[in-house]
Amino acid sequence: MNFAVNARDAMPHGGSIRIETRNVELDNEYSKQHSGVVPGPHVMFSFSDSGQGINNAILPYIFEPFFTTKELGKGTGLGLATVYGIVKQHNGNIWVYSEAGHGTTFKIYLPRTDAIESSTPAGSDFSDQPGTQSILIVEDEVSLLEVVATMLESAGYRVQKATSGAMGLELIERNAENVDLLLTDVILRDTSGPELSAKVRLIQPGIKVVYMSGYAGDKLRDCGPLEVLEKPFTKNQLIGRVRAALERE
């Protein structure tokens, strides 16, 4: 999704996006030419656009958190940093190739395995434990907001949605006694998750809070022992964290 958003912004007058996957074998020669690559079977994922390309002067900085060339309010500078973090967490590598006026290609290589892992970890099936509480989700990425809401509703929870801290606070003021848990992104366009939760707890001191974060930076510093759900997460991880927070005294 982050690749797609960047590609769209790089093609204001239209263009094409090409997504490709294939199995590849990275040999010793490739490993010598690309630092950090372990030879062996990999899965390659590439994402290409025909946009304006990336200036060579800024290429070394594009994966740094909060680095952005977009206008104020048009980007957080966290998209490619999040992609980079996901790739590295899976022992993979990512490379970028770009030419001004002709487009950009990102290539991700992930080590391939033939092992089959269950999509539902043991002991994490919540289908027989439907939730009943009310949850307020505050997330300014609308697509993610809808996905998270669907996950929680399918588990039985009652959900309210807000796309900004101000909207979330307004919903709390209207329905303070009906909200059991605040599920908020750490970094919002108009505030931060900890700042929002502090205001919410002035209205409803007993509300439980879970934070979603792709990159928290110093936003969680000095905030005490918080519940942080790292993006990306699965439905089971989400429901498990929410349930634990609601059951905690």
C-alpha atoms as a PDB file:
ATOM      1  CA  MET A   1       0.000   0.000   0.000  1.00  0.00           C
ATOM      2  CA  ASN A   2       2.845   2.394   0.786  1.00  0.00           C
ATOM      3  CA  PHE A   3       4.443   1.649  -2.587  1.00  0.00           C
ATOM      4  CA  ALA A   4       1.100   2.286  -4.310  1.00  0.00           C
ATOM      5  CA  VAL A   5       0.507   5.619  -2.571  1.00  0.00           C
ATOM      6  CA  ASN A   6       4.001   6.834  -3.490  1.00  0.00           C
ATOM      7  CA  ALA A   7       3.577   5.665  -7.088  1.00  0.00           C
ATOM      8  CA  ARG A   8       0.259   7.483  -7.370  1.00  0.00           C
ATOM      9  CA  ASP A   9       1.814  10.716  -6.093  1.00  0.00           C
ATOM     10  CA  ALA A  10       4.732  10.325  -8.527  1.00  0.00           C
ATOM     11  CA  MET A  11       2.312  10.069 -11.485  1.00  0.00           C
ATOM     12  CA  PRO A  12       0.016  13.122 -11.204  1.00  0.00           C
ATOM     13  CA  HIS A  13      -0.912  12.847 -14.900  1.00  0.00           C
ATOM     14  CA  GLY A  14      -1.358   9.081 -14.908  1.00  0.00           C
ATOM     15  CA  GLY A  15       0.929   6.193 -15.710  1.00  0.00           C
ATOM     16  CA  SER A  16       1.348   2.509 -15.049  1.00  0.00           C
ATOM     17  CA  ILE A  17       2.160   0.306 -12.070  1.00  0.00           C
ATOM     18  CA  ARG A  18       3.675  -3.140 -12.486  1.00  0.00           C
ATOM     19  CA  ILE A  19       3.763  -5.680  -9.645  1.00  0.00           C
ATOM     20  CA  GLU A  20       5.790  -8.844 -10.123  1.00  0.00           C
ATOM     21  CA  THR A  21       6.681 -11.887  -7.999  1.00  0.00           C
ATOM     22  CA  ARG A  22       8.911 -14.833  -8.781  1.00  0.00           C
ATOM     23  CA  ASN A  23      11.224 -17.392  -7.235  1.00  0.00           C
ATOM     24  CA  VAL A  24      14.914 -16.566  -7.640  1.00  0.00           C
ATOM     25  CA  GLU A  25      18.228 -18.094  -6.657  1.00  0.00           C
ATOM     26  CA  LEU A  26      20.746 -15.570  -5.335  1.00  0.00           C
ATOM     27  CA  ASP A  27      24.284 -16.840  -5.877  1.00  0.00           C
ATOM     28  CA  ASN A  28      27.630 -15.956  -4.308  1.00  0.00           C
ATOM     29  CA  GLU A  29      28.408 -13.422  -7.021  1.00  0.00           C
ATOM     30  CA  TYR A  30      25.173 -11.530  -6.312  1.00  0.00           C
ATOM     31  CA  SER A  31      25.921 -11.678  -2.583  1.00  0.00           C
ATOM     32  CA  LYS A  32      29.356 -10.099  -3.144  1.00  0.00           C
ATOM     33  CA  GLN A  33      27.775  -7.224  -5.076  1.00  0.00           C
ATOM     34  CA  HIS A  34      24.953  -6.630  -2.555  1.00  0.00           C
ATOM     35  CA  SER A  35      25.969  -6.228   1.073  1.00  0.00           C
ATOM     36  CA  GLY A  36      23.936  -8.251   3.574  1.00  0.00           C
ATOM     37  CA  VAL A  37      22.547 -10.763   1.092  1.00  0.00           C
ATOM     38  CA  VAL A  38      22.805 -14.440   2.058  1.00  0.00           C
ATOM     39  CA  PRO A  39      23.031 -16.715  -1.026  1.00  0.00           C
ATOM     40  CA  GLY A  40      20.193 -19.180  -1.536  1.00  0.00           C
ATOM     41  CA  PRO A  41      16.563 -19.466  -2.689  1.00  0.00           C
ATOM     42  CA  HIS A  42      14.492 -16.294  -2.328  1.00  0.00           C
ATOM     43  CA  VAL A  43      11.107 -14.890  -3.263  1.00  0.00           C
ATOM     44  CA  MET A  44      11.396 -11.657  -5.220  1.00  0.00           C
ATOM     45  CA  PHE A  45       8.674  -8.994  -5.074  1.00  0.00           C
ATOM     46  CA  SER A  46       9.031  -5.936  -7.302  1.00  0.00           C
ATOM     47  CA  PHE A  47       6.905  -2.799  -7.557  1.00  0.00           C
ATOM     48  CA  SER A  48       7.496  -0.461 -10.510  1.00  0.00           C
ATOM     49  CA  ASP A  49       5.922   2.800 -11.637  1.00  0.00           C
ATOM     50  CA  SER A  50       6.383   5.032 -14.672  1.00  0.00           C
ATOM     51  CA  GLY A  51       6.474   8.233 -12.643  1.00  0.00           C
ATOM     52  CA  GLN A  52       8.909  11.097 -12.318  1.00  0.00           C
ATOM     53  CA  GLY A  53      11.594   9.031 -10.583  1.00  0.00           C
ATOM     54  CA  ILE A  54      13.653   9.782  -7.480  1.00  0.00           C
ATOM     55  CA  ASN A  55      16.516  12.258  -7.524  1.00  0.00           C
ATOM     56  CA  ASN A  56      19.857  10.511  -6.975  1.00  0.00           C
ATOM     57  CA  ALA A  57      20.744  13.043  -4.278  1.00  0.00           C
ATOM     58  CA  ILE A  58      17.931  11.851  -1.996  1.00  0.00           C
ATOM     59  CA  LEU A  59      18.040   8.117  -2.745  1.00  0.00           C
ATOM     60  CA  PRO A  60      20.290   7.375   0.289  1.00  0.00           C
ATOM     61  CA  TYR A  61      17.692   8.904   2.623  1.00  0.00           C
ATOM     62  CA  ILE A  62      14.363   7.503   1.416  1.00  0.00           C
ATOM     63  CA  PHE A  63      14.148   4.733   4.047  1.00  0.00           C
ATOM     64  CA  GLU A  64      14.871   7.064   6.961  1.00  0.00           C
ATOM     65  CA  PRO A  65      11.896   7.684   9.294  1.00  0.00           C
ATOM     66  CA  PHE A  66      10.170  11.040   8.744  1.00  0.00           C
ATOM     67  CA  PHE A  67      12.139  11.814   5.565  1.00  0.00           C
ATOM     68  CA  THR A  68       9.733  13.099   2.916  1.00  0.00           C
ATOM     69  CA  THR A  69       9.803  15.314  -0.150  1.00  0.00           C
ATOM     70  CA  LYS A  70       6.033  15.828  -0.084  1.00  0.00           C
ATOM     71  CA  GLU A  71       4.331  19.055   0.935  1.00  0.00           C
ATOM     72  CA  LEU A  72       3.362  19.588   4.567  1.00  0.00           C
ATOM     73  CA  GLY A  73       0.295  17.484   5.331  1.00  0.00           C
ATOM     74  CA  LYS A  74       0.738  15.290   2.250  1.00  0.00           C
ATOM     75  CA  GLY A  75       3.004  12.652   3.805  1.00  0.00           C
ATOM     76  CA  THR A  76       4.422  11.499   7.138  1.00  0.00           C
ATOM     77  CA  GLY A  77       7.747  10.182   5.869  1.00  0.00           C
ATOM     78  CA  LEU A  78       6.969   6.822   7.507  1.00  0.00           C
ATOM     79  CA  GLY A  79       5.770   4.764   4.526  1.00  0.00           C
ATOM     80  CA  LEU A  80       9.095   3.512   3.182  1.00  0.00           C
ATOM     81  CA  ALA A  81      10.553   3.323   6.705  1.00  0.00           C
ATOM     82  CA  THR A  82       7.723   0.939   7.591  1.00  0.00           C
ATOM     83  CA  VAL A  83       8.353  -1.143   4.453  1.00  0.00           C
ATOM     84  CA  TYR A  84      12.073  -1.298   5.261  1.00  0.00           C
ATOM     85  CA  GLY A  85      11.343  -2.424   8.825  1.00  0.00           C
ATOM     86  CA  ILE A  86       9.000  -5.209   7.673  1.00  0.00           C
ATOM     87  CA  VAL A  87      11.540  -6.495   5.160  1.00  0.00           C
ATOM     88  CA  LYS A  88      14.373  -6.533   7.693  1.00  0.00           C
ATOM     89  CA  GLN A  89      12.190  -8.254  10.317  1.00  0.00           C
ATOM     90  CA  HIS A  90      11.822 -11.108   7.819  1.00  0.00           C
ATOM     91  CA  ASN A  91      15.572 -11.294   7.117  1.00  0.00           C
ATOM     92  CA  GLY A  92      15.080  -9.819   3.665  1.00  0.00           C
ATOM     93  CA  ASN A  93      16.657  -7.094   1.587  1.00  0.00           C
ATOM     94  CA  ILE A  94      15.240  -4.201  -0.405  1.00  0.00           C
ATOM     95  CA  TRP A  95      16.790  -2.300  -3.299  1.00  0.00           C
ATOM     96  CA  VAL A  96      15.609   0.689  -5.299  1.00  0.00           C
ATOM     97  CA  TYR A  97      16.356   1.581  -8.917  1.00  0.00           C
ATOM     98  CA  SER A  98      15.229   4.935 -10.289  1.00  0.00           C
ATOM     99  CA  GLU A  99      15.775   7.184 -13.289  1.00  0.00           C
ATOM    100  CA  ALA A 100      14.498  10.752 -13.477  1.00  0.00           C
ATOM    101  CA  GLY A 101      11.547  11.032 -15.812  1.00  0.00           C
ATOM    102  CA  HIS A 102      11.285   7.285 -16.378  1.00  0.00           C
ATOM    103  CA  GLY A 103      10.111   5.773 -13.098  1.00  0.00           C
ATOM    104  CA  THR A 104      11.143   3.783 -10.060  1.00  0.00           C
ATOM    105  CA  THR A 105      11.398   0.095  -9.199  1.00  0.00           C
ATOM    106  CA  PHE A 106      11.631  -1.373  -5.703  1.00  0.00           C
ATOM    107  CA  LYS A 107      12.779  -4.980  -5.405  1.00  0.00           C
ATOM    108  CA  ILE A 108      12.360  -7.017  -2.226  1.00  0.00           C
ATOM    109  CA  TYR A 109      14.081 -10.367  -1.696  1.00  0.00           C
ATOM    110  CA  LEU A 110      12.831 -12.614   1.102  1.00  0.00           C
ATOM    111  CA  PRO A 111      14.447 -15.970   2.001  1.00  0.00           C
ATOM    112  CA  ARG A 112      12.287 -18.802   0.676  1.00  0.00           C
ATOM    113  CA  THR A 113      11.201 -21.720   2.809  1.00  0.00           C
ATOM    114  CA  ASP A 114       9.281 -24.874   1.974  1.00  0.00           C
ATOM    115  CA  ALA A 115       7.924 -25.134   5.501  1.00  0.00           C
ATOM    116  CA  ILE A 116       4.166 -24.760   5.943  1.00  0.00           C
ATOM    117  CA  GLU A 117       3.063 -22.758   8.955  1.00  0.00           C
ATOM    118  CA  SER A 118      -0.444 -22.783  10.357  1.00  0.00           C
ATOM    119  CA  SER A 119      -2.213 -19.465   9.799  1.00  0.00           C
ATOM    120  CA  THR A 120      -3.878 -19.845  13.201  1.00  0.00           C
ATOM    121  CA  PRO A 121      -1.384 -20.265  16.068  1.00  0.00           C
ATOM    122  CA  ALA A 122      -2.347 -22.796  18.737  1.00  0.00           C
ATOM    123  CA  GLY A 123      -4.487 -21.372  21.484  1.00  0.00           C
ATOM    124  CA  SER A 124      -5.340 -18.186  19.574  1.00  0.00           C
ATOM    125  CA  ASP A 125      -8.704 -19.091  18.070  1.00  0.00           C
ATOM    126  CA  PHE A 126     -11.205 -16.603  19.476  1.00  0.00           C
ATOM    127  CA  SER A 127     -14.217 -17.807  17.500  1.00  0.00           C
ATOM    128  CA  ASP A 128     -15.751 -19.399  20.603  1.00  0.00           C
ATOM    129  CA  GLN A 129     -15.160 -16.308  22.745  1.00  0.00           C
ATOM    130  CA  PRO A 130     -17.165 -13.477  21.174  1.00  0.00           C
ATOM    131  CA  GLY A 131     -16.447  -9.985  22.449  1.00  0.00           C
ATOM    132  CA  THR A 132     -19.260  -7.806  23.732  1.00  0.00           C
ATOM    133  CA  GLN A 133     -17.599  -4.524  24.685  1.00  0.00           C
ATOM    134  CA  SER A 134     -17.568  -1.207  22.821  1.00  0.00           C
ATOM    135  CA  ILE A 135     -14.338  -0.061  21.160  1.00  0.00           C
ATOM    136  CA  LEU A 136     -13.464   3.327  19.683  1.00  0.00           C
ATOM    137  CA  ILE A 137     -10.874   3.118  16.870  1.00  0.00           C
ATOM    138  CA  VAL A 138      -8.939   6.278  15.998  1.00  0.00           C
ATOM    139  CA  GLU A 139      -6.878   5.892  12.817  1.00  0.00           C
ATOM    140  CA  ASP A 140      -6.375   8.474  10.059  1.00  0.00           C
ATOM    141  CA  GLU A 141      -5.536   5.873   7.388  1.00  0.00           C
ATOM    142  CA  VAL A 142      -9.101   5.134   6.293  1.00  0.00           C
ATOM    143  CA  SER A 143      -8.316   1.799   4.616  1.00  0.00           C
ATOM    144  CA  LEU A 144      -6.626   0.493   7.775  1.00  0.00           C
ATOM    145  CA  LEU A 145      -9.432   1.885   9.929  1.00  0.00           C
ATOM    146  CA  GLU A 146     -12.000  -0.114   7.960  1.00  0.00           C
ATOM    147  CA  VAL A 147      -9.940  -3.323   8.070  1.00  0.00           C
ATOM    148  CA  VAL A 148      -9.434  -3.096  11.844  1.00  0.00           C
ATOM    149  CA  ALA A 149     -13.114  -2.305  12.385  1.00  0.00           C
ATOM    150  CA  THR A 150     -14.124  -5.356  10.335  1.00  0.00           C
ATOM    151  CA  MET A 151     -11.763  -7.591  12.332  1.00  0.00           C
ATOM    152  CA  LEU A 152     -13.210  -6.422  15.648  1.00  0.00           C
ATOM    153  CA  GLU A 153     -16.838  -6.550  14.499  1.00  0.00           C
ATOM    154  CA  SER A 154     -16.362 -10.114  13.253  1.00  0.00           C
ATOM    155  CA  ALA A 155     -15.215 -11.002  16.775  1.00  0.00           C
ATOM    156  CA  GLY A 156     -18.408  -9.586  18.285  1.00  0.00           C
ATOM    157  CA  TYR A 157     -17.221  -6.159  19.448  1.00  0.00           C
ATOM    158  CA  ARG A 158     -19.269  -2.995  18.985  1.00  0.00           C
ATOM    159  CA  VAL A 159     -17.178  -0.476  17.080  1.00  0.00           C
ATOM    160  CA  GLN A 160     -17.107   3.294  16.659  1.00  0.00           C
ATOM    161  CA  LYS A 161     -14.689   4.845  14.161  1.00  0.00           C
ATOM    162  CA  ALA A 162     -12.842   8.163  14.049  1.00  0.00           C
ATOM    163  CA  THR A 163     -10.367   9.464  11.468  1.00  0.00           C
ATOM    164  CA  SER A 164      -8.805  12.113  13.728  1.00  0.00           C
ATOM    165  CA  GLY A 165      -8.070  12.774  17.384  1.00  0.00           C
ATOM    166  CA  ALA A 166     -10.650  15.580  17.452  1.00  0.00           C
ATOM    167  CA  MET A 167     -13.351  13.297  16.063  1.00  0.00           C
ATOM    168  CA  GLY A 168     -12.448  10.577  18.551  1.00  0.00           C
ATOM    169  CA  LEU A 169     -12.617  12.997  21.480  1.00  0.00           C
ATOM    170  CA  GLU A 170     -16.013  14.226  20.293  1.00  0.00           C
ATOM    171  CA  LEU A 171     -17.355  10.661  20.168  1.00  0.00           C
ATOM    172  CA  ILE A 172     -16.050  10.015  23.697  1.00  0.00           C
ATOM    173  CA  GLU A 173     -17.732  13.182  24.994  1.00  0.00           C
ATOM    174  CA  ARG A 174     -21.028  12.025  23.504  1.00  0.00           C
ATOM    175  CA  ASN A 175     -20.772   8.364  24.578  1.00  0.00           C
ATOM    176  CA  ALA A 176     -18.261   8.279  27.454  1.00  0.00           C
ATOM    177  CA  GLU A 177     -20.035   5.589  29.455  1.00  0.00           C
ATOM    178  CA  ASN A 178     -20.493   3.363  26.396  1.00  0.00           C
ATOM    179  CA  VAL A 179     -16.838   3.037  25.370  1.00  0.00           C
ATOM    180  CA  ASP A 180     -14.766   0.322  27.044  1.00  0.00           C
ATOM    181  CA  LEU A 181     -11.521   0.615  25.098  1.00  0.00           C
ATOM    182  CA  LEU A 182      -9.711   3.212  23.004  1.00  0.00           C
ATOM    183  CA  LEU A 183      -7.698   1.711  20.127  1.00  0.00           C
ATOM    184  CA  THR A 184      -5.634   4.513  18.619  1.00  0.00           C
ATOM    185  CA  ASP A 185      -2.717   4.982  16.279  1.00  0.00           C
ATOM    186  CA  VAL A 186       0.322   6.514  17.975  1.00  0.00           C
ATOM    187  CA  ILE A 187       0.879   9.134  15.274  1.00  0.00           C
ATOM    188  CA  LEU A 188      -2.198  11.030  14.088  1.00  0.00           C
ATOM    189  CA  ARG A 189      -2.354  14.054  11.821  1.00  0.00           C
ATOM    190  CA  ASP A 190      -3.794  16.362  14.495  1.00  0.00           C
ATOM    191  CA  THR A 191      -2.364  14.849  17.691  1.00  0.00           C
ATOM    192  CA  SER A 192      -0.629  11.776  19.099  1.00  0.00           C
ATOM    193  CA  GLY A 193      -2.148   8.655  20.628  1.00  0.00           C
ATOM    194  CA  PRO A 194      -0.790   9.345  24.151  1.00  0.00           C
ATOM    195  CA  GLU A 195      -2.026  12.961  24.024  1.00  0.00           C
ATOM    196  CA  LEU A 196      -5.456  11.783  22.909  1.00  0.00           C
ATOM    197  CA  SER A 197      -5.677   9.094  25.595  1.00  0.00           C
ATOM    198  CA  ALA A 198      -4.746  11.653  28.282  1.00  0.00           C
ATOM    199  CA  LYS A 199      -7.680  13.861  27.218  1.00  0.00           C
ATOM    200  CA  VAL A 200     -10.010  10.859  26.981  1.00  0.00           C
ATOM    201  CA  ARG A 201      -9.125   9.703  30.504  1.00  0.00           C
ATOM    202  CA  LEU A 202     -10.112  13.113  31.880  1.00  0.00           C
ATOM    203  CA  ILE A 203     -13.626  12.298  30.631  1.00  0.00           C
ATOM    204  CA  GLN A 204     -13.585   8.556  31.299  1.00  0.00           C
ATOM    205  CA  PRO A 205     -10.798   7.637  33.791  1.00  0.00           C
ATOM    206  CA  GLY A 206     -11.429   3.888  33.620  1.00  0.00           C
ATOM    207  CA  ILE A 207     -11.175   3.430  29.860  1.00  0.00           C
ATOM    208  CA  LYS A 208      -8.633   0.885  28.625  1.00  0.00           C
ATOM    209  CA  VAL A 209      -6.173   1.904  25.876  1.00  0.00           C
ATOM    210  CA  VAL A 210      -4.271  -0.007  23.191  1.00  0.00           C
ATOM    211  CA  TYR A 211      -1.913   1.794  20.795  1.00  0.00           C
ATOM    212  CA  MET A 212      -1.206   0.799  17.188  1.00  0.00           C
ATOM    213  CA  SER A 213       2.203   1.785  15.888  1.00  0.00           C
ATOM    214  CA  GLY A 214       4.280   1.277  12.770  1.00  0.00           C
ATOM    215  CA  TYR A 215       6.950   3.629  14.047  1.00  0.00           C
ATOM    216  CA  ALA A 216       6.489   5.277  17.428  1.00  0.00           C
ATOM    217  CA  GLY A 217       9.744   7.243  17.683  1.00  0.00           C
ATOM    218  CA  ASP A 218       9.760   9.176  20.951  1.00  0.00           C
ATOM    219  CA  LYS A 219       5.977   9.476  21.099  1.00  0.00           C
ATOM    220  CA  LEU A 220       5.773   6.762  23.779  1.00  0.00           C
ATOM    221  CA  ARG A 221       8.676   8.010  25.874  1.00  0.00           C
ATOM    222  CA  ASP A 222       7.848   8.653  29.544  1.00  0.00           C
ATOM    223  CA  CYS A 223       4.304   7.366  29.089  1.00  0.00           C
ATOM    224  CA  GLY A 224       4.658   4.358  31.376  1.00  0.00           C
ATOM    225  CA  PRO A 225       3.855   0.699  30.621  1.00  0.00           C
ATOM    226  CA  LEU A 226       1.593   0.935  27.575  1.00  0.00           C
ATOM    227  CA  GLU A 227      -0.054  -1.636  25.386  1.00  0.00           C
ATOM    228  CA  VAL A 228       1.450  -1.228  21.921  1.00  0.00           C
ATOM    229  CA  LEU A 229       0.348  -3.355  18.970  1.00  0.00           C
ATOM    230  CA  GLU A 230       3.019  -3.190  16.270  1.00  0.00           C
ATOM    231  CA  LYS A 231       1.922  -2.858  12.649  1.00  0.00           C
ATOM    232  CA  PRO A 232       1.440  -4.955  10.644  1.00  0.00           C
ATOM    233  CA  PHE A 233      -0.627  -7.330  12.776  1.00  0.00           C
ATOM    234  CA  THR A 234      -2.968 -10.260  12.214  1.00  0.00           C
ATOM    235  CA  LYS A 235      -6.545 -10.550  13.355  1.00  0.00           C
ATOM    236  CA  ASN A 236      -5.542 -12.966  16.114  1.00  0.00           C
ATOM    237  CA  GLN A 237      -2.858 -10.589  17.363  1.00  0.00           C
ATOM    238  CA  LEU A 238      -5.348  -7.710  17.379  1.00  0.00           C
ATOM    239  CA  ILE A 239      -8.094  -9.606  19.176  1.00  0.00           C
ATOM    240  CA  GLY A 240      -5.620 -11.081  21.656  1.00  0.00           C
ATOM    241  CA  ARG A 241      -4.205  -7.677  22.601  1.00  0.00           C
ATOM    242  CA  VAL A 242      -7.647  -6.078  22.864  1.00  0.00           C
ATOM    243  CA  ARG A 243      -8.983  -8.930  24.987  1.00  0.00           C
ATOM    244  CA  ALA A 244      -5.986  -8.823  27.317  1.00  0.00           C
ATOM    245  CA  ALA A 245      -6.371  -5.071  27.790  1.00  0.00           C
ATOM    246  CA  LEU A 246     -10.091  -5.349  28.531  1.00  0.00           C
ATOM    247  CA  GLU A 247      -9.578  -8.144  31.058  1.00  0.00           C
ATOM    248  CA  ARG A 248      -6.711  -6.433  32.888  1.00  0.00           C
ATOM    249  CA  GLU A 249      -7.626  -4.768  36.173  1.00  0.00           C
END
